[in-house]
Amino acid sequence: MRFNIASVDSLIIYFGDSISEETSAKVKKAYNSIKALNLEGLIEIIPSYTSIFISFDIFKYEYESLKILLENSLNLNIKENFEEKIISIDVYYGLEVGLDLKKISFEKKLSIEEIIQIHSSKIYDVYAIGFLPAFAYLASVDEKIATSRLKTPRNQIAKGSVAIADTQTAVYPQNSPGGWNIIGKTAFELFDKKLGNLSIFEVGNRVKFNSISKEEFLSQGGIL
């Protein structure tokens, strides 16, 4: 666990230098531990693959005092007793919505059916949230279908598009520009206005994608 100053009112705690399940577990434990402290004066607590970013009220803390407090409060060796949450998302992997399926099929020398089977057969971990609210970075995609970002990003990606970039996968929560490879689409709503972060996802959740037919997708309110 390594602390660094990020700015006059923020710091970053690093738990490793590379993405791994071990580092992710440390980040998750620390994130839950910090939230449980319920410290007044912490403005944002943002976990990522290997670190946690914390912004704080400079009238409550300065870097060194908060660093000492957290060092003395965090215990990464405790066993967490919580029910693992798996979020199930139905996806239509059709060519009308899977804009890059043919490209991935050609590059990886796999049939489209094989790509769908590989992508939907794995349960993914939520490693981080951003760059948009409810945009969850999920990993790790099987190396057989891991695909580099597009050289030229699209000006508009449709809400609900399911995508791959390198060994990550994600769902676009709203219409936005993007450079990920689009392989399908879901009618699943990622926003929840009742939640503080507006997202159904939290770091530590897991996600399972289920392949459905065009008819099922349309019946769920999906738009081609």
Protein backbone atom coordinates (compact mmCIF):
# COMPACT_ATOMS: atom_id res chain seq x y z
CA MET A 1 0.00 0.00 0.00
CA ARG A 2 1.60 3.23 -1.21
CA PHE A 3 0.29 6.78 -0.72
CA ASN A 4 0.93 9.63 -3.16
CA ILE A 5 -0.20 13.26 -3.24
CA ALA A 6 -2.51 13.88 -6.19
CA SER A 7 -3.24 17.56 -5.52
CA VAL A 8 -3.70 19.95 -2.64
CA ASP A 9 -7.02 18.30 -1.79
CA SER A 10 -6.58 14.71 -3.00
CA LEU A 11 -4.42 11.63 -2.68
CA ILE A 12 -4.03 8.25 -4.34
CA ILE A 13 -3.44 4.92 -2.61
CA TYR A 14 -1.70 2.31 -4.78
CA PHE A 15 -2.07 -1.41 -4.06
CA GLY A 16 0.02 -2.76 -6.93
CA ASP A 17 1.64 -1.85 -10.22
CA SER A 18 -0.22 -4.22 -12.53
CA ILE A 19 -3.79 -5.44 -13.01
CA SER A 20 -4.40 -8.73 -11.23
CA GLU A 21 -7.06 -10.50 -9.17
CA GLU A 22 -4.88 -10.13 -6.06
CA THR A 23 -4.52 -6.37 -6.49
CA SER A 24 -8.22 -6.02 -7.32
CA ALA A 25 -9.13 -7.84 -4.10
CA LYS A 26 -6.98 -5.41 -2.08
CA VAL A 27 -8.59 -2.41 -3.78
CA LYS A 28 -12.07 -3.80 -3.08
CA LYS A 29 -11.32 -4.46 0.61
CA ALA A 30 -9.76 -1.03 1.08
CA TYR A 31 -12.62 0.70 -0.74
CA ASN A 32 -15.25 -0.99 1.43
CA SER A 33 -13.17 -0.31 4.53
CA ILE A 34 -12.85 3.41 3.75
CA LYS A 35 -16.58 3.71 3.06
CA ALA A 36 -17.34 1.92 6.35
CA LEU A 37 -15.27 4.49 8.26
CA ASN A 38 -17.84 7.08 7.19
CA LEU A 39 -15.33 9.89 7.61
CA GLU A 40 -16.72 13.38 7.41
CA GLY A 41 -14.71 15.45 4.97
CA LEU A 42 -14.06 12.80 2.32
CA ILE A 43 -15.63 14.16 -0.86
CA GLU A 44 -14.96 11.39 -3.38
CA ILE A 45 -13.64 7.84 -3.09
CA ILE A 46 -12.95 6.44 -6.54
CA PRO A 47 -11.52 2.91 -6.94
CA SER A 48 -9.68 1.78 -10.07
CA TYR A 49 -7.78 -1.32 -11.21
CA THR A 50 -4.79 -0.80 -8.91
CA SER A 51 -5.57 2.29 -6.83
CA ILE A 52 -8.09 4.42 -4.96
CA PHE A 53 -8.37 8.17 -5.53
CA ILE A 54 -9.64 10.23 -2.58
CA SER A 55 -10.53 13.91 -2.60
CA PHE A 56 -11.00 15.60 0.76
CA ASP A 57 -12.04 18.82 2.46
CA ILE A 58 -8.85 20.82 3.11
CA PHE A 59 -10.52 22.39 6.14
CA LYS A 60 -10.83 18.90 7.69
CA TYR A 61 -7.59 17.25 6.60
CA GLU A 62 -4.24 17.79 5.01
CA TYR A 63 -2.38 15.04 3.19
CA GLU A 64 -0.20 13.79 6.03
CA SER A 65 -2.95 13.62 8.66
CA LEU A 66 -5.33 11.75 6.35
CA LYS A 67 -2.54 9.41 5.25
CA ILE A 68 -1.77 8.48 8.86
CA LEU A 69 -5.45 8.03 9.66
CA LEU A 70 -6.00 5.68 6.73
CA GLU A 71 -2.78 3.75 7.33
CA ASN A 72 -3.92 3.06 10.88
CA SER A 73 -7.52 2.26 9.93
CA LEU A 74 -7.29 0.01 6.87
CA ASN A 75 -6.96 -3.73 7.35
CA LEU A 76 -6.51 -5.63 4.09
CA ASN A 77 -6.18 -9.00 5.84
CA ILE A 78 -9.73 -9.23 7.13
CA LYS A 79 -12.12 -11.74 5.59
CA GLU A 80 -15.15 -10.10 4.10
CA ASN A 81 -18.51 -11.66 4.77
CA PHE A 82 -20.72 -10.43 1.98
CA GLU A 83 -22.97 -11.97 -0.61
CA GLU A 84 -21.36 -11.75 -4.02
CA LYS A 85 -23.56 -9.80 -6.41
CA ILE A 86 -23.74 -11.07 -9.99
CA ILE A 87 -25.57 -8.76 -12.41
CA SER A 88 -27.11 -10.61 -15.35
CA ILE A 89 -27.38 -8.67 -18.63
CA ASP A 90 -29.18 -9.96 -21.74
CA VAL A 91 -27.41 -9.11 -25.00
CA TYR A 92 -28.45 -9.39 -28.62
CA TYR A 93 -25.27 -10.16 -30.57
CA GLY A 94 -26.74 -9.41 -34.01
CA LEU A 95 -24.87 -7.95 -36.96
CA GLU A 96 -27.28 -4.98 -37.05
CA VAL A 97 -25.99 -3.88 -33.63
CA GLY A 98 -22.66 -5.72 -33.42
CA LEU A 99 -20.86 -3.31 -35.71
CA ASP A 100 -17.44 -4.91 -35.27
CA LEU A 101 -18.33 -8.60 -35.10
CA LYS A 102 -17.25 -9.26 -38.70
CA LYS A 103 -13.95 -7.43 -38.16
CA ILE A 104 -13.16 -9.40 -34.99
CA SER A 105 -14.20 -12.63 -36.72
CA PHE A 106 -11.73 -11.93 -39.53
CA GLU A 107 -8.89 -10.81 -37.25
CA LYS A 108 -9.25 -13.66 -34.78
CA LYS A 109 -10.14 -16.34 -37.32
CA LEU A 110 -13.22 -17.25 -35.33
CA SER A 111 -16.84 -17.59 -36.38
CA ILE A 112 -19.28 -15.02 -35.05
CA GLU A 113 -20.98 -17.82 -33.10
CA GLU A 114 -17.65 -18.64 -31.42
CA ILE A 115 -17.10 -14.98 -30.48
CA ILE A 116 -20.56 -14.83 -28.91
CA GLN A 117 -20.02 -18.07 -27.03
CA ILE A 118 -16.64 -16.96 -25.68
CA HIS A 119 -17.84 -13.52 -24.61
CA SER A 120 -21.03 -14.75 -22.95
CA SER A 121 -19.53 -17.78 -21.21
CA LYS A 122 -17.43 -15.81 -18.71
CA ILE A 123 -18.31 -13.89 -15.54
CA TYR A 124 -16.53 -10.52 -15.42
CA ASP A 125 -15.40 -8.45 -12.45
CA VAL A 126 -16.25 -4.76 -12.14
CA TYR A 127 -12.82 -3.15 -11.73
CA ALA A 128 -13.65 0.53 -12.06
CA ILE A 129 -16.42 3.03 -12.92
CA GLY A 130 -15.94 5.88 -15.48
CA PHE A 131 -15.41 7.64 -17.99
CA LEU A 132 -19.20 8.15 -18.00
CA PRO A 133 -21.52 7.60 -15.02
CA ALA A 134 -22.45 3.88 -14.95
CA PHE A 135 -19.70 2.98 -17.46
CA ALA A 136 -18.20 -0.08 -15.76
CA TYR A 137 -14.83 -1.46 -16.84
CA LEU A 138 -15.17 -5.25 -16.79
CA ALA A 139 -12.34 -7.75 -17.06
CA SER A 140 -10.84 -9.91 -18.20
CA VAL A 141 -11.92 -10.79 -21.73
CA ASP A 142 -10.63 -14.12 -23.05
CA GLU A 143 -7.43 -13.56 -25.04
CA LYS A 144 -9.03 -15.34 -27.99
CA ILE A 145 -11.32 -12.34 -28.58
CA ALA A 146 -9.30 -9.52 -26.95
CA THR A 147 -9.22 -6.73 -29.55
CA SER A 148 -7.43 -3.39 -29.68
CA ARG A 149 -9.40 -0.15 -29.67
CA LEU A 150 -10.44 1.28 -33.02
CA LYS A 151 -7.78 3.46 -34.65
CA THR A 152 -10.47 6.06 -35.36
CA PRO A 153 -13.17 6.38 -32.66
CA ARG A 154 -16.80 6.69 -33.74
CA ASN A 155 -18.57 9.99 -33.22
CA GLN A 156 -21.60 8.24 -31.78
CA ILE A 157 -22.05 4.91 -30.03
CA ALA A 158 -25.64 3.93 -29.20
CA LYS A 159 -26.76 3.56 -25.61
CA GLY A 160 -26.70 -0.10 -24.56
CA SER A 161 -23.90 -1.09 -26.95
CA VAL A 162 -21.75 -3.92 -25.59
CA ALA A 163 -18.10 -3.51 -26.46
CA ILE A 164 -14.55 -4.86 -26.17
CA ALA A 165 -11.27 -2.97 -25.88
CA ASP A 166 -8.15 -5.07 -25.36
CA THR A 167 -8.97 -7.41 -22.44
CA GLN A 168 -11.80 -5.23 -21.13
CA THR A 169 -15.50 -5.26 -21.91
CA ALA A 170 -18.23 -2.74 -21.09
CA VAL A 171 -21.71 -1.45 -21.84
CA TYR A 172 -22.18 2.14 -23.02
CA PRO A 173 -24.73 3.62 -20.58
CA GLN A 174 -25.73 6.45 -22.93
CA ASN A 175 -25.14 7.71 -26.47
CA SER A 176 -21.55 8.94 -26.66
CA PRO A 177 -18.43 8.95 -28.80
CA GLY A 178 -16.25 5.87 -28.36
CA GLY A 179 -13.43 3.78 -29.74
CA TRP A 180 -14.33 0.34 -28.42
CA ASN A 181 -15.30 -2.58 -30.66
CA ILE A 182 -19.09 -3.04 -30.65
CA ILE A 183 -20.27 -6.66 -30.52
CA GLY A 184 -23.90 -6.40 -29.39
CA LYS A 185 -26.57 -4.39 -27.65
CA THR A 186 -28.70 -4.62 -24.53
CA ALA A 187 -31.96 -3.02 -23.42
CA PHE A 188 -30.79 -3.29 -19.79
CA GLU A 189 -30.90 0.06 -17.95
CA LEU A 190 -27.60 0.85 -16.22
CA PHE A 191 -28.73 4.01 -14.41
CA ASP A 192 -30.53 4.04 -11.08
CA LYS A 193 -31.46 7.53 -9.90
CA LYS A 194 -32.07 6.22 -6.38
CA LEU A 195 -28.37 5.45 -5.96
CA GLY A 196 -25.74 8.01 -5.03
CA ASN A 197 -23.47 7.17 -7.94
CA LEU A 198 -26.46 6.78 -10.33
CA SER A 199 -25.16 3.34 -11.35
CA ILE A 200 -26.27 -0.22 -10.72
CA PHE A 201 -22.59 -1.16 -10.71
CA GLU A 202 -20.14 -1.03 -7.83
CA VAL A 203 -16.53 -2.12 -7.77
CA GLY A 204 -16.55 -5.73 -6.60
CA ASN A 205 -19.76 -6.68 -8.44
CA ARG A 206 -19.61 -9.30 -11.17
CA VAL A 207 -21.38 -9.32 -14.53
CA LYS A 208 -22.69 -12.18 -16.68
CA PHE A 209 -23.80 -11.57 -20.27
CA ASN A 210 -26.55 -13.78 -21.73
CA SER A 211 -27.05 -14.20 -25.47
CA ILE A 212 -30.68 -13.61 -26.53
CA SER A 213 -32.56 -13.55 -29.82
CA LYS A 214 -33.58 -10.45 -31.76
CA GLU A 215 -37.21 -11.10 -30.78
CA GLU A 216 -36.34 -11.22 -27.07
CA PHE A 217 -34.25 -8.06 -27.40
CA LEU A 218 -37.10 -6.15 -29.09
CA SER A 219 -39.63 -7.43 -26.54
CA GLN A 220 -37.44 -5.99 -23.78
CA GLY A 221 -37.59 -2.57 -25.41
CA GLY A 222 -34.40 -2.83 -27.40
CA ILE A 223 -33.86 -0.57 -30.42
CA LEU A 224 -32.00 -1.72 -33.51
